[in-house]
Amino acid sequence: MCNSSIIKSLLHKLPLNRAACKYGIFAEHNLYADSSVCKHLSGLFNVCLMHGKNPQECMQTVIVPICKNKNGNLSDAGNFMPVSLATIISKLFELYILSCIAPLLATTDIQFGFKPKHGTDMCILLLKQTVSYYVSKDTPVFSAFLDASKTFEETNHNLLFAKLIKRNVPYLCS
């Protein structure tokens, strides 16, 4: 069960000095609010998990297109990156669910994407060191690269959920 102390710790994980959600609420509003806010939010999250439904108002997101290259073709949709401005409540709810299931989603040390304190610079360093090693041993080096930019649209979500179930990820956080 979610409680107010969990919410309080999650509030400190929200990034500050960011854009407000569609309702004009910043992370700082909840962070510096009275402690009763944490109690009410934990109650809301418990009800959402118990009934398997989220209030529409809490889950609404505004998508803002951000131009990648201002000197590029401004009529090309590929020149824009969508940025979602989610509500603070939905961000907190996501953090809570992630805190419940994170221990069940362990990855290998060679996964760099979507991992805290990991980035492409570490991946590039690993690739350079590996290539350098084999070149120094006078062996051929072959590589293949995969563009996974459209992966989400092509993902078999039934297979993804089956893998989560196989890892014992619970249907509800408890």
Foldseek 3Di string as FASTA:
>chain_A
DFALVLLLVLLVVDDFPDAAFPVRDGSVCVNPDDSVSSHVLSVQLVVCLVVVHHPPVQFDKDWDWDAQDPPDDPVDPVRTDIDIRHHPSVVSSVVVLCVQCVVLDDDDPQDAPPDPPGDVVVVVVVVVVVVVVCVVVVHDDDDDDDDCVVVVVVDPVVVVVVVCVVSVSDSGRD
